[in-house]
């Protein structure tokens, strides 16, 4: 069976470490990186940040399909520029390599008044890797995210935890959802290419192990 090669990385909320996890996955898998929608500074984009943390020479960085100046949800940031976004204008990159596609925010972040990241995931057809940062309330947010993924019948790979070890949180989520746990990334004291590469050791899988559930 051929391994899955394209993944949509999303999170249970904002500011949970998706970009750092993306960099760790890109380095571990020597994958390409693509952020379809960039909201915020166009001088320090997530693509530029990930690129600065990658050592391997195989990874290619694909340009964003949509760039927005203001650091808000895409539908608001676009409206502030008098733009109207459509998922159909987002064209996937032509890549034969493994691809990490990083979403903007969580599953229900609006792209326009009718479409959300869920619709973008369905449009692209990439299976989901869910990033869950460990904090008070993250059990609820993680379970709700997985319930939404499953109710929408979207392809799902598993969960990556971020933060200090908390068996109460991690074990409950694993038992309740029966979702694969791909690993846990501890908070990195320093973030540089070497620490990103080393952090890949905390993810206990190889590309061939990943399967859609």
N, C-alpha and C. Protein backbone atom coordinates (compact mmCIF):
# COMPACT_ATOMS: atom_id res chain seq x y z
N UNK A 1 0.84 -1.20 0.00
CA UNK A 1 0.00 0.00 0.00
C UNK A 1 0.87 1.25 0.00
N UNK A 2 0.59 2.16 -0.91
CA UNK A 2 1.36 3.40 -0.97
C UNK A 2 1.01 4.30 0.20
N UNK A 3 2.01 4.90 0.86
CA UNK A 3 1.72 5.78 1.99
C UNK A 3 1.03 7.06 1.54
N UNK A 4 0.24 7.63 2.46
CA UNK A 4 -0.36 8.93 2.20
C UNK A 4 0.76 9.95 2.06
N UNK A 5 0.63 10.87 1.12
CA UNK A 5 1.74 11.79 0.87
C UNK A 5 1.38 13.26 1.02
N UNK A 6 0.10 13.56 1.17
CA UNK A 6 -0.29 14.96 1.32
C UNK A 6 -1.18 15.08 2.55
N UNK A 7 -0.88 16.06 3.40
CA UNK A 7 -1.56 16.19 4.69
C UNK A 7 -2.00 17.63 4.92
N UNK A 8 -3.15 17.77 5.55
CA UNK A 8 -3.63 19.09 5.96
C UNK A 8 -3.47 19.19 7.46
N UNK A 9 -2.60 20.09 7.90
CA UNK A 9 -2.33 20.27 9.31
C UNK A 9 -3.23 21.38 9.86
N UNK A 10 -4.07 21.02 10.82
CA UNK A 10 -4.94 22.00 11.44
C UNK A 10 -4.84 21.85 12.95
N UNK A 11 -5.48 22.76 13.68
CA UNK A 11 -5.37 22.75 15.12
C UNK A 11 -6.71 22.88 15.80
N UNK A 12 -6.69 22.74 17.12
CA UNK A 12 -7.91 22.87 17.91
C UNK A 12 -8.22 24.33 18.22
N UNK A 13 -7.37 25.23 17.75
CA UNK A 13 -7.57 26.66 17.96
C UNK A 13 -6.43 27.42 17.33
N UNK A 14 -6.28 28.67 17.74
CA UNK A 14 -5.18 29.50 17.24
C UNK A 14 -4.04 29.54 18.24
N UNK A 15 -2.86 29.89 17.75
CA UNK A 15 -1.67 30.04 18.60
C UNK A 15 -1.39 28.77 19.41
N UNK A 16 -1.44 27.63 18.74
CA UNK A 16 -1.19 26.37 19.45
C UNK A 16 0.10 25.70 18.99
N UNK A 17 0.78 26.29 18.02
CA UNK A 17 2.05 25.74 17.58
C UNK A 17 2.01 25.01 16.26
N UNK A 18 1.00 25.27 15.42
CA UNK A 18 0.90 24.57 14.13
C UNK A 18 2.11 24.80 13.25
N UNK A 19 2.61 26.03 13.21
CA UNK A 19 3.72 26.34 12.31
C UNK A 19 4.99 25.62 12.74
N UNK A 20 5.24 25.56 14.04
CA UNK A 20 6.41 24.84 14.54
C UNK A 20 6.26 23.34 14.27
N UNK A 21 5.07 22.81 14.51
CA UNK A 21 4.83 21.39 14.22
C UNK A 21 4.98 21.14 12.72
N UNK A 22 4.51 22.07 11.90
CA UNK A 22 4.68 21.94 10.45
C UNK A 22 6.16 21.84 10.11
N UNK A 23 6.98 22.71 10.70
CA UNK A 23 8.42 22.68 10.43
C UNK A 23 9.02 21.34 10.85
N UNK A 24 8.61 20.84 11.99
CA UNK A 24 9.13 19.56 12.49
C UNK A 24 8.75 18.43 11.53
N UNK A 25 7.51 18.42 11.07
CA UNK A 25 7.07 17.40 10.11
C UNK A 25 7.80 17.53 8.78
N UNK A 26 7.93 18.77 8.31
CA UNK A 26 8.62 19.00 7.03
C UNK A 26 10.05 18.47 7.10
N UNK A 27 10.74 18.75 8.20
CA UNK A 27 12.12 18.29 8.33
C UNK A 27 12.18 16.77 8.49
N UNK A 28 11.30 16.22 9.31
CA UNK A 28 11.32 14.77 9.56
C UNK A 28 11.04 13.99 8.28
N UNK A 29 10.05 14.45 7.52
CA UNK A 29 9.62 13.72 6.32
C UNK A 29 10.30 14.22 5.05
N UNK A 30 11.14 15.28 5.19
CA UNK A 30 11.73 15.94 4.02
C UNK A 30 10.64 16.29 3.01
N UNK A 31 9.57 16.82 3.56
CA UNK A 31 8.37 17.12 2.78
C UNK A 31 8.41 18.54 2.24
N UNK A 32 7.55 18.80 1.25
CA UNK A 32 7.31 20.17 0.79
C UNK A 32 6.35 20.85 1.77
N UNK A 33 6.30 22.18 1.70
CA UNK A 33 5.44 22.96 2.59
C UNK A 33 4.59 23.92 1.77
N UNK A 34 3.32 24.03 2.19
CA UNK A 34 2.41 24.97 1.52
C UNK A 34 1.40 25.52 2.51
N UNK A 35 1.29 26.82 2.55
CA UNK A 35 0.25 27.48 3.35
C UNK A 35 -0.70 28.15 2.37
N UNK A 36 -1.90 27.60 2.14
CA UNK A 36 -2.79 28.16 1.12
C UNK A 36 -3.19 29.60 1.38
N UNK A 37 -3.48 29.92 2.67
CA UNK A 37 -3.94 31.27 3.01
C UNK A 37 -3.04 31.84 4.10
N UNK A 38 -2.42 32.96 3.81
CA UNK A 38 -1.58 33.67 4.78
C UNK A 38 -2.30 34.95 5.20
N UNK A 39 -2.63 35.04 6.49
CA UNK A 39 -3.24 36.26 7.03
C UNK A 39 -2.25 36.89 8.00
N UNK A 40 -1.94 38.16 7.80
CA UNK A 40 -1.01 38.84 8.68
C UNK A 40 0.16 39.41 7.92
N UNK A 41 1.27 39.59 8.62
CA UNK A 41 2.44 40.21 8.02
C UNK A 41 2.87 39.46 6.77
N UNK A 42 3.08 40.18 5.69
CA UNK A 42 3.59 39.58 4.46
C UNK A 42 5.10 39.65 4.39
N UNK A 43 5.71 40.26 5.41
CA UNK A 43 7.17 40.33 5.47
C UNK A 43 7.73 39.18 6.30
N UNK A 44 6.93 38.67 7.27
CA UNK A 44 7.35 37.54 8.09
C UNK A 44 6.25 36.49 8.05
N UNK A 45 6.14 35.81 6.94
CA UNK A 45 5.07 34.85 6.74
C UNK A 45 5.43 33.51 7.41
N UNK A 46 4.42 32.67 7.56
CA UNK A 46 4.67 31.34 8.10
C UNK A 46 5.58 30.54 7.17
N UNK A 47 5.42 30.73 5.87
CA UNK A 47 6.29 30.04 4.92
C UNK A 47 7.75 30.44 5.15
N UNK A 48 7.99 31.73 5.34
CA UNK A 48 9.36 32.19 5.58
C UNK A 48 9.90 31.64 6.89
N UNK A 49 9.02 31.56 7.90
CA UNK A 49 9.48 31.05 9.20
C UNK A 49 9.86 29.57 9.09
N UNK A 50 8.99 28.78 8.46
CA UNK A 50 9.31 27.37 8.30
C UNK A 50 10.59 27.20 7.49
N UNK A 51 10.72 27.97 6.42
CA UNK A 51 11.91 27.87 5.57
C UNK A 51 13.19 28.13 6.35
N UNK A 52 13.13 29.06 7.29
CA UNK A 52 14.31 29.40 8.08
C UNK A 52 14.71 28.29 9.05
N UNK A 53 13.83 27.30 9.25
CA UNK A 53 14.08 26.25 10.24
C UNK A 53 14.41 24.90 9.61
N UNK A 54 14.48 24.85 8.29
CA UNK A 54 14.66 23.58 7.59
C UNK A 54 16.11 23.42 7.13
N UNK A 55 16.65 22.23 7.40
CA UNK A 55 18.03 21.92 7.04
C UNK A 55 18.12 21.15 5.74
N UNK A 56 17.20 20.21 5.53
CA UNK A 56 17.35 19.31 4.38
C UNK A 56 17.24 20.07 3.06
N UNK A 57 17.77 19.49 2.00
CA UNK A 57 17.83 20.15 0.70
C UNK A 57 16.71 19.70 -0.24
N UNK A 58 15.87 18.77 0.22
CA UNK A 58 14.82 18.24 -0.65
C UNK A 58 13.56 19.10 -0.64
N UNK A 59 13.27 19.70 0.50
CA UNK A 59 12.02 20.44 0.68
C UNK A 59 11.90 21.61 -0.29
N UNK A 60 10.71 21.73 -0.87
CA UNK A 60 10.35 22.89 -1.69
C UNK A 60 9.24 23.65 -0.97
N UNK A 61 9.29 24.98 -1.09
CA UNK A 61 8.28 25.84 -0.45
C UNK A 61 7.41 26.46 -1.53
N UNK A 62 6.13 26.14 -1.48
CA UNK A 62 5.21 26.57 -2.52
C UNK A 62 4.53 27.88 -2.12
N UNK A 63 4.34 28.79 -3.05
CA UNK A 63 3.78 30.11 -2.72
C UNK A 63 2.33 30.00 -2.25
N UNK A 64 1.98 30.91 -1.38
CA UNK A 64 0.61 30.97 -0.88
C UNK A 64 -0.35 31.29 -2.02
N UNK A 65 -1.53 30.70 -1.97
CA UNK A 65 -2.55 31.01 -2.97
C UNK A 65 -3.20 32.36 -2.70
N UNK A 66 -3.32 32.69 -1.41
CA UNK A 66 -3.96 33.94 -0.99
C UNK A 66 -3.10 34.58 0.09
N UNK A 67 -2.79 35.87 -0.07
CA UNK A 67 -2.04 36.62 0.93
C UNK A 67 -2.89 37.80 1.39
N UNK A 68 -3.05 37.91 2.71
CA UNK A 68 -3.85 38.97 3.30
C UNK A 68 -3.02 39.74 4.32
N UNK A 69 -3.17 41.04 4.33
CA UNK A 69 -2.30 41.90 5.15
C UNK A 69 -2.64 41.81 6.63
N UNK A 70 -3.93 41.77 6.96
CA UNK A 70 -4.36 41.91 8.36
C UNK A 70 -4.42 40.56 9.07
N UNK A 71 -4.01 40.52 10.35
CA UNK A 71 -3.92 39.24 11.09
C UNK A 71 -5.25 38.81 11.70
N UNK A 72 -6.23 38.61 10.85
CA UNK A 72 -7.56 38.19 11.31
C UNK A 72 -7.98 36.94 10.54
N UNK A 73 -9.18 36.46 10.83
CA UNK A 73 -9.71 35.33 10.07
C UNK A 73 -9.77 35.76 8.60
N UNK A 74 -9.61 34.81 7.68
CA UNK A 74 -9.55 35.18 6.26
C UNK A 74 -10.74 36.01 5.78
N UNK A 75 -11.95 35.69 6.23
CA UNK A 75 -13.10 36.44 5.72
C UNK A 75 -13.07 37.89 6.16
N UNK A 76 -12.59 38.16 7.38
CA UNK A 76 -12.49 39.54 7.87
C UNK A 76 -11.32 40.26 7.20
N UNK A 77 -10.17 39.60 7.15
CA UNK A 77 -8.99 40.22 6.54
C UNK A 77 -9.24 40.55 5.08
N UNK A 78 -9.94 39.66 4.38
CA UNK A 78 -10.25 39.91 2.97
C UNK A 78 -11.20 41.09 2.82
N UNK A 79 -12.21 41.16 3.68
CA UNK A 79 -13.18 42.25 3.60
C UNK A 79 -12.50 43.59 3.83
N UNK A 80 -11.51 43.63 4.71
CA UNK A 80 -10.78 44.87 4.98
C UNK A 80 -9.97 45.32 3.77
N UNK A 81 -9.72 44.40 2.82
CA UNK A 81 -9.03 44.74 1.59
C UNK A 81 -10.01 44.82 0.41
N UNK A 82 -11.30 44.80 0.73
CA UNK A 82 -12.34 44.82 -0.31
C UNK A 82 -12.20 43.65 -1.27
N UNK A 83 -11.90 42.49 -0.69
CA UNK A 83 -11.77 41.27 -1.48
C UNK A 83 -12.82 40.26 -1.03
N UNK A 84 -13.15 39.36 -1.92
CA UNK A 84 -14.04 38.26 -1.59
C UNK A 84 -13.32 36.97 -1.97
N UNK A 85 -13.09 36.11 -0.98
CA UNK A 85 -12.33 34.89 -1.21
C UNK A 85 -13.25 33.75 -1.66
N UNK A 86 -12.73 32.93 -2.54
CA UNK A 86 -13.41 31.72 -2.96
C UNK A 86 -12.43 30.56 -2.91
N UNK A 87 -12.88 29.46 -2.37
CA UNK A 87 -12.01 28.29 -2.29
C UNK A 87 -11.55 27.87 -3.68
N UNK A 88 -12.40 28.07 -4.67
CA UNK A 88 -12.07 27.64 -6.03
C UNK A 88 -10.85 28.37 -6.61
N UNK A 89 -10.46 29.50 -6.00
CA UNK A 89 -9.27 30.21 -6.49
C UNK A 89 -7.98 29.66 -5.90
N UNK A 90 -8.10 28.70 -5.00
CA UNK A 90 -6.93 28.10 -4.36
C UNK A 90 -6.52 26.86 -5.16
N UNK A 91 -5.43 26.97 -5.88
CA UNK A 91 -4.96 25.87 -6.72
C UNK A 91 -3.81 25.14 -6.03
N UNK A 92 -3.96 23.84 -5.80
CA UNK A 92 -2.90 23.08 -5.11
C UNK A 92 -1.61 23.10 -5.91
N UNK A 93 -0.48 23.07 -5.22
CA UNK A 93 0.80 23.05 -5.93
C UNK A 93 1.03 21.72 -6.63
N UNK A 94 1.80 21.77 -7.67
CA UNK A 94 2.17 20.55 -8.42
C UNK A 94 3.42 19.97 -7.78
N UNK A 95 3.22 18.99 -6.91
CA UNK A 95 4.35 18.41 -6.18
C UNK A 95 4.20 16.91 -6.14
N UNK A 96 5.28 16.20 -6.45
CA UNK A 96 5.28 14.74 -6.34
C UNK A 96 5.88 14.30 -5.01
N UNK A 97 6.32 15.26 -4.21
CA UNK A 97 6.91 14.97 -2.91
C UNK A 97 5.80 14.92 -1.85
N UNK A 98 6.13 14.40 -0.68
CA UNK A 98 5.24 14.53 0.47
C UNK A 98 4.97 16.01 0.69
N UNK A 99 3.74 16.36 1.07
CA UNK A 99 3.37 17.76 1.22
C UNK A 99 2.69 17.99 2.57
N UNK A 100 3.17 18.98 3.29
CA UNK A 100 2.50 19.46 4.51
C UNK A 100 1.80 20.76 4.16
N UNK A 101 0.48 20.74 4.25
CA UNK A 101 -0.34 21.92 3.98
C UNK A 101 -0.83 22.44 5.32
N UNK A 102 -0.44 23.66 5.68
CA UNK A 102 -0.82 24.23 6.98
C UNK A 102 -2.03 25.16 6.82
N UNK A 103 -3.09 24.84 7.53
CA UNK A 103 -4.28 25.68 7.49
C UNK A 103 -4.13 26.93 8.33
N UNK A 104 -5.02 27.88 8.10
CA UNK A 104 -5.05 29.13 8.86
C UNK A 104 -6.04 28.97 10.00
N UNK A 105 -5.53 28.71 11.21
CA UNK A 105 -6.42 28.54 12.35
C UNK A 105 -7.04 27.15 12.40
N UNK A 106 -8.21 27.07 13.06
CA UNK A 106 -8.87 25.79 13.28
C UNK A 106 -9.84 25.42 12.18
N UNK A 107 -10.58 24.34 12.42
CA UNK A 107 -11.45 23.76 11.41
C UNK A 107 -12.56 24.70 10.94
N UNK A 108 -13.12 25.47 11.86
CA UNK A 108 -14.30 26.28 11.53
C UNK A 108 -13.96 27.73 11.23
N UNK A 109 -12.70 28.03 11.02
CA UNK A 109 -12.32 29.40 10.64
C UNK A 109 -12.96 29.74 9.29
N UNK A 110 -13.68 30.87 9.20
CA UNK A 110 -14.37 31.21 7.96
C UNK A 110 -13.45 31.78 6.88
N UNK A 111 -13.66 31.31 5.67
CA UNK A 111 -12.96 31.84 4.51
C UNK A 111 -13.82 32.89 3.81
N UNK A 112 -15.10 32.66 3.79
CA UNK A 112 -16.09 33.66 3.39
C UNK A 112 -17.34 33.40 4.23
N UNK A 113 -18.47 34.03 3.91
CA UNK A 113 -19.64 33.90 4.78
C UNK A 113 -20.27 32.51 4.73
N UNK A 114 -19.84 31.67 3.80
CA UNK A 114 -20.41 30.34 3.67
C UNK A 114 -19.40 29.21 3.83
N UNK A 115 -18.14 29.47 3.50
CA UNK A 115 -17.14 28.42 3.47
C UNK A 115 -16.13 28.57 4.61
N UNK A 116 -15.72 27.43 5.16
CA UNK A 116 -14.74 27.40 6.24
C UNK A 116 -13.56 26.53 5.84
N UNK A 117 -12.61 26.38 6.77
CA UNK A 117 -11.49 25.48 6.51
C UNK A 117 -11.95 24.06 6.22
N UNK A 118 -13.07 23.65 6.80
CA UNK A 118 -13.60 22.32 6.51
C UNK A 118 -13.88 22.16 5.01
N UNK A 119 -14.44 23.21 4.42
CA UNK A 119 -14.72 23.16 2.99
C UNK A 119 -13.43 23.13 2.18
N UNK A 120 -12.41 23.85 2.65
CA UNK A 120 -11.11 23.83 1.98
C UNK A 120 -10.50 22.44 2.04
N UNK A 121 -10.59 21.80 3.21
CA UNK A 121 -10.05 20.44 3.35
C UNK A 121 -10.78 19.49 2.41
N UNK A 122 -12.09 19.60 2.35
CA UNK A 122 -12.87 18.74 1.46
C UNK A 122 -12.49 18.98 0.00
N UNK A 123 -12.28 20.24 -0.34
CA UNK A 123 -11.91 20.62 -1.70
C UNK A 123 -10.55 20.04 -2.09
N UNK A 124 -9.58 20.12 -1.17
CA UNK A 124 -8.23 19.63 -1.45
C UNK A 124 -8.16 18.11 -1.38
N UNK A 125 -8.95 17.52 -0.48
CA UNK A 125 -8.94 16.07 -0.33
C UNK A 125 -7.78 15.53 0.48
N UNK A 126 -7.07 16.40 1.21
CA UNK A 126 -5.93 15.96 2.01
C UNK A 126 -6.42 15.44 3.37
N UNK A 127 -5.91 14.31 3.86
CA UNK A 127 -6.26 13.85 5.20
C UNK A 127 -5.68 14.76 6.27
N UNK A 128 -6.35 14.80 7.41
CA UNK A 128 -6.06 15.78 8.46
C UNK A 128 -5.13 15.21 9.52
N UNK A 129 -4.15 16.00 9.90
CA UNK A 129 -3.39 15.81 11.14
C UNK A 129 -3.80 16.95 12.07
N UNK A 130 -4.26 16.58 13.27
CA UNK A 130 -4.77 17.57 14.22
C UNK A 130 -3.73 17.85 15.30
N UNK A 131 -3.40 19.13 15.48
CA UNK A 131 -2.47 19.56 16.53
C UNK A 131 -3.28 19.99 17.74
N UNK A 132 -2.98 19.38 18.89
CA UNK A 132 -3.68 19.69 20.14
C UNK A 132 -2.68 20.14 21.18
N UNK A 133 -2.68 21.44 21.48
CA UNK A 133 -1.81 21.94 22.55
C UNK A 133 -2.48 21.64 23.88
N UNK A 134 -1.68 21.21 24.85
CA UNK A 134 -2.21 20.80 26.15
C UNK A 134 -2.39 22.03 27.04
N UNK A 135 -3.64 22.31 27.38
CA UNK A 135 -3.99 23.42 28.29
C UNK A 135 -5.34 23.11 28.90
N UNK A 136 -5.74 23.86 29.92
CA UNK A 136 -7.04 23.67 30.54
C UNK A 136 -8.13 23.97 29.51
N UNK A 137 -8.92 22.98 29.18
CA UNK A 137 -9.95 23.13 28.16
C UNK A 137 -9.62 22.43 26.86
N UNK A 138 -8.39 21.93 26.73
CA UNK A 138 -7.99 21.34 25.45
C UNK A 138 -8.66 19.99 25.21
N UNK A 139 -9.07 19.29 26.26
CA UNK A 139 -9.79 18.03 26.05
C UNK A 139 -11.08 18.32 25.29
N UNK A 140 -11.84 19.29 25.78
CA UNK A 140 -13.10 19.65 25.13
C UNK A 140 -12.87 20.09 23.69
N UNK A 141 -11.90 20.95 23.47
CA UNK A 141 -11.63 21.46 22.13
C UNK A 141 -11.17 20.36 21.18
N UNK A 142 -10.39 19.42 21.71
CA UNK A 142 -9.90 18.32 20.87
C UNK A 142 -11.03 17.36 20.51
N UNK A 143 -11.84 17.00 21.50
CA UNK A 143 -12.95 16.08 21.23
C UNK A 143 -13.94 16.68 20.25
N UNK A 144 -14.23 17.97 20.41
CA UNK A 144 -15.16 18.63 19.48
C UNK A 144 -14.59 18.66 18.06
N UNK A 145 -13.29 18.91 17.95
CA UNK A 145 -12.66 18.96 16.62
C UNK A 145 -12.74 17.59 15.94
N UNK A 146 -12.43 16.55 16.69
CA UNK A 146 -12.47 15.21 16.10
C UNK A 146 -13.90 14.80 15.77
N UNK A 147 -14.84 15.15 16.63
CA UNK A 147 -16.24 14.86 16.33
C UNK A 147 -16.69 15.54 15.04
N UNK A 148 -16.23 16.78 14.83
CA UNK A 148 -16.59 17.50 13.61
C UNK A 148 -15.95 16.84 12.39
N UNK A 149 -14.70 16.46 12.50
CA UNK A 149 -14.02 15.79 11.39
C UNK A 149 -14.78 14.52 11.00
N UNK A 150 -15.17 13.76 12.01
CA UNK A 150 -15.83 12.49 11.73
C UNK A 150 -17.26 12.69 11.23
N UNK A 151 -17.97 13.67 11.77
CA UNK A 151 -19.33 13.90 11.31
C UNK A 151 -19.36 14.38 9.86
N UNK A 152 -18.28 15.07 9.45
CA UNK A 152 -18.17 15.53 8.06
C UNK A 152 -17.56 14.47 7.15
N UNK A 153 -17.20 13.31 7.77
CA UNK A 153 -16.63 12.18 7.01
C UNK A 153 -15.37 12.58 6.24
N UNK A 154 -14.53 13.38 6.90
CA UNK A 154 -13.27 13.80 6.29
C UNK A 154 -12.16 12.82 6.66
N UNK A 155 -11.20 12.61 5.79
CA UNK A 155 -10.10 11.68 6.09
C UNK A 155 -9.25 12.22 7.24
N UNK A 156 -8.85 11.34 8.14
CA UNK A 156 -8.18 11.73 9.37
C UNK A 156 -7.00 10.80 9.62
N UNK A 157 -5.85 11.37 9.99
CA UNK A 157 -4.65 10.59 10.25
C UNK A 157 -4.42 10.37 11.74
N UNK A 158 -4.47 11.44 12.54
CA UNK A 158 -4.22 11.31 13.96
C UNK A 158 -3.88 12.64 14.61
N UNK A 159 -3.45 12.55 15.87
CA UNK A 159 -3.24 13.72 16.72
C UNK A 159 -1.76 13.87 17.07
N UNK A 160 -1.29 15.11 17.06
CA UNK A 160 0.01 15.46 17.64
C UNK A 160 -0.25 16.40 18.81
N UNK A 161 0.22 16.01 20.00
CA UNK A 161 0.10 16.88 21.17
C UNK A 161 1.30 17.83 21.23
N UNK A 162 1.06 19.00 21.78
CA UNK A 162 2.12 19.99 22.01
C UNK A 162 2.06 20.44 23.46
N UNK A 163 3.19 20.38 24.16
CA UNK A 163 3.22 20.87 25.53
C UNK A 163 3.83 19.86 26.49
N UNK A 164 3.82 20.22 27.77
CA UNK A 164 4.36 19.33 28.79
C UNK A 164 3.46 18.10 28.94
N UNK A 165 4.06 16.99 29.28
CA UNK A 165 3.33 15.72 29.37
C UNK A 165 2.21 15.80 30.40
N UNK A 166 1.03 15.37 30.01
CA UNK A 166 -0.13 15.33 30.90
C UNK A 166 -0.93 14.07 30.59
N UNK A 167 -0.62 12.97 31.27
CA UNK A 167 -1.31 11.71 30.97
C UNK A 167 -2.82 11.79 31.11
N UNK A 168 -3.33 12.60 32.04
CA UNK A 168 -4.78 12.72 32.20
C UNK A 168 -5.42 13.22 30.91
N UNK A 169 -4.79 14.22 30.31
CA UNK A 169 -5.32 14.77 29.06
C UNK A 169 -5.08 13.83 27.89
N UNK A 170 -3.84 13.41 27.71
CA UNK A 170 -3.48 12.59 26.55
C UNK A 170 -4.19 11.24 26.56
N UNK A 171 -4.21 10.58 27.73
CA UNK A 171 -4.82 9.25 27.80
C UNK A 171 -6.33 9.33 27.61
N UNK A 172 -6.96 10.36 28.17
CA UNK A 172 -8.41 10.47 28.02
C UNK A 172 -8.77 10.69 26.56
N UNK A 173 -8.06 11.60 25.90
CA UNK A 173 -8.35 11.87 24.48
C UNK A 173 -8.13 10.62 23.64
N UNK A 174 -7.04 9.91 23.90
CA UNK A 174 -6.74 8.69 23.14
C UNK A 174 -7.81 7.63 23.34
N UNK A 175 -8.24 7.43 24.61
CA UNK A 175 -9.23 6.40 24.90
C UNK A 175 -10.61 6.78 24.38
N UNK A 176 -10.98 8.04 24.53
CA UNK A 176 -12.32 8.46 24.14
C UNK A 176 -12.49 8.46 22.62
N UNK A 177 -11.47 8.93 21.91
CA UNK A 177 -11.58 9.08 20.46
C UNK A 177 -11.10 7.84 19.70
N UNK A 178 -10.23 7.04 20.34
CA UNK A 178 -9.57 5.91 19.68
C UNK A 178 -8.80 6.38 18.43
N UNK A 179 -8.33 7.62 18.47
CA UNK A 179 -7.56 8.18 17.35
C UNK A 179 -6.08 7.85 17.54
N UNK A 180 -5.36 7.63 16.46
CA UNK A 180 -3.92 7.42 16.57
C UNK A 180 -3.23 8.65 17.16
N UNK A 181 -2.31 8.41 18.07
CA UNK A 181 -1.50 9.48 18.64
C UNK A 181 -0.14 9.42 17.97
N UNK A 182 0.19 10.45 17.22
CA UNK A 182 1.42 10.45 16.43
C UNK A 182 2.63 10.90 17.22
N UNK A 183 2.40 11.43 18.43
CA UNK A 183 3.50 11.86 19.28
C UNK A 183 3.14 13.13 20.03
N UNK A 184 4.09 13.57 20.86
CA UNK A 184 3.92 14.82 21.60
C UNK A 184 5.21 15.62 21.51
N UNK A 185 5.09 16.86 21.10
CA UNK A 185 6.23 17.77 21.01
C UNK A 185 6.28 18.61 22.28
N UNK A 186 7.31 18.49 23.10
CA UNK A 186 7.41 19.37 24.28
C UNK A 186 7.69 20.80 23.84
N UNK A 187 7.40 21.74 24.73
CA UNK A 187 7.75 23.12 24.42
C UNK A 187 9.26 23.23 24.22
N UNK A 188 9.66 23.84 23.13
CA UNK A 188 11.08 23.98 22.81
C UNK A 188 11.62 25.25 23.43
N UNK A 189 12.68 25.12 24.25
CA UNK A 189 13.27 26.28 24.90
C UNK A 189 13.89 27.22 23.88
N UNK A 190 14.49 26.66 22.87
CA UNK A 190 15.04 27.46 21.77
C UNK A 190 14.54 26.86 20.46
N UNK A 191 14.24 27.73 19.52
CA UNK A 191 13.73 27.28 18.24
C UNK A 191 14.73 27.65 17.16
N UNK A 192 15.40 26.65 16.62
CA UNK A 192 16.37 26.84 15.54
C UNK A 192 16.41 25.55 14.74
N UNK A 193 17.08 25.52 13.61
CA UNK A 193 17.04 24.32 12.76
C UNK A 193 17.42 23.03 13.48
N UNK A 194 18.41 23.08 14.36
CA UNK A 194 18.84 21.86 15.04
C UNK A 194 17.78 21.36 16.02
N UNK A 195 17.13 22.28 16.75
CA UNK A 195 16.10 21.84 17.70
C UNK A 195 14.86 21.33 16.97
N UNK A 196 14.57 21.90 15.80
CA UNK A 196 13.45 21.41 15.00
C UNK A 196 13.73 19.99 14.51
N UNK A 197 14.94 19.75 14.03
CA UNK A 197 15.31 18.41 13.56
C UNK A 197 15.25 17.41 14.71
N UNK A 198 15.78 17.79 15.88
CA UNK A 198 15.78 16.89 17.04
C UNK A 198 14.37 16.60 17.53
N UNK A 199 13.48 17.59 17.41
CA UNK A 199 12.11 17.40 17.88
C UNK A 199 11.37 16.33 17.09
N UNK A 200 11.81 16.07 15.88
CA UNK A 200 11.19 15.02 15.08
C UNK A 200 11.27 13.65 15.73
N UNK A 201 12.23 13.46 16.64
CA UNK A 201 12.37 12.18 17.33
C UNK A 201 11.19 11.93 18.28
N UNK A 202 10.46 12.99 18.62
CA UNK A 202 9.30 12.84 19.51
C UNK A 202 8.06 12.35 18.76
N UNK A 203 8.15 12.30 17.45
CA UNK A 203 7.03 11.80 16.65
C UNK A 203 7.33 10.35 16.29
N UNK A 204 6.49 9.45 16.80
CA UNK A 204 6.81 8.03 16.74
C UNK A 204 6.15 7.33 15.56
N UNK A 205 6.48 7.79 14.37
CA UNK A 205 5.96 7.15 13.17
C UNK A 205 6.92 7.40 12.02
N UNK A 206 6.78 6.59 11.00
CA UNK A 206 7.41 6.82 9.71
C UNK A 206 6.32 7.05 8.69
N UNK A 207 6.67 7.59 7.55
CA UNK A 207 5.68 7.94 6.54
C UNK A 207 4.81 6.73 6.17
N UNK A 208 5.43 5.57 6.09
CA UNK A 208 4.68 4.38 5.72
C UNK A 208 3.70 3.92 6.77
N UNK A 209 3.83 4.45 8.01
CA UNK A 209 2.93 4.05 9.09
C UNK A 209 1.61 4.80 9.04
N UNK A 210 1.56 5.94 8.33
CA UNK A 210 0.40 6.80 8.38
C UNK A 210 -0.70 6.25 7.49
N UNK A 211 -1.89 6.14 8.06
CA UNK A 211 -3.02 5.60 7.30
C UNK A 211 -4.27 6.42 7.62
N UNK A 212 -5.13 6.57 6.64
CA UNK A 212 -6.38 7.29 6.82
C UNK A 212 -7.34 6.46 7.65
N UNK A 213 -7.99 7.10 8.61
CA UNK A 213 -9.01 6.41 9.41
C UNK A 213 -10.35 7.11 9.27
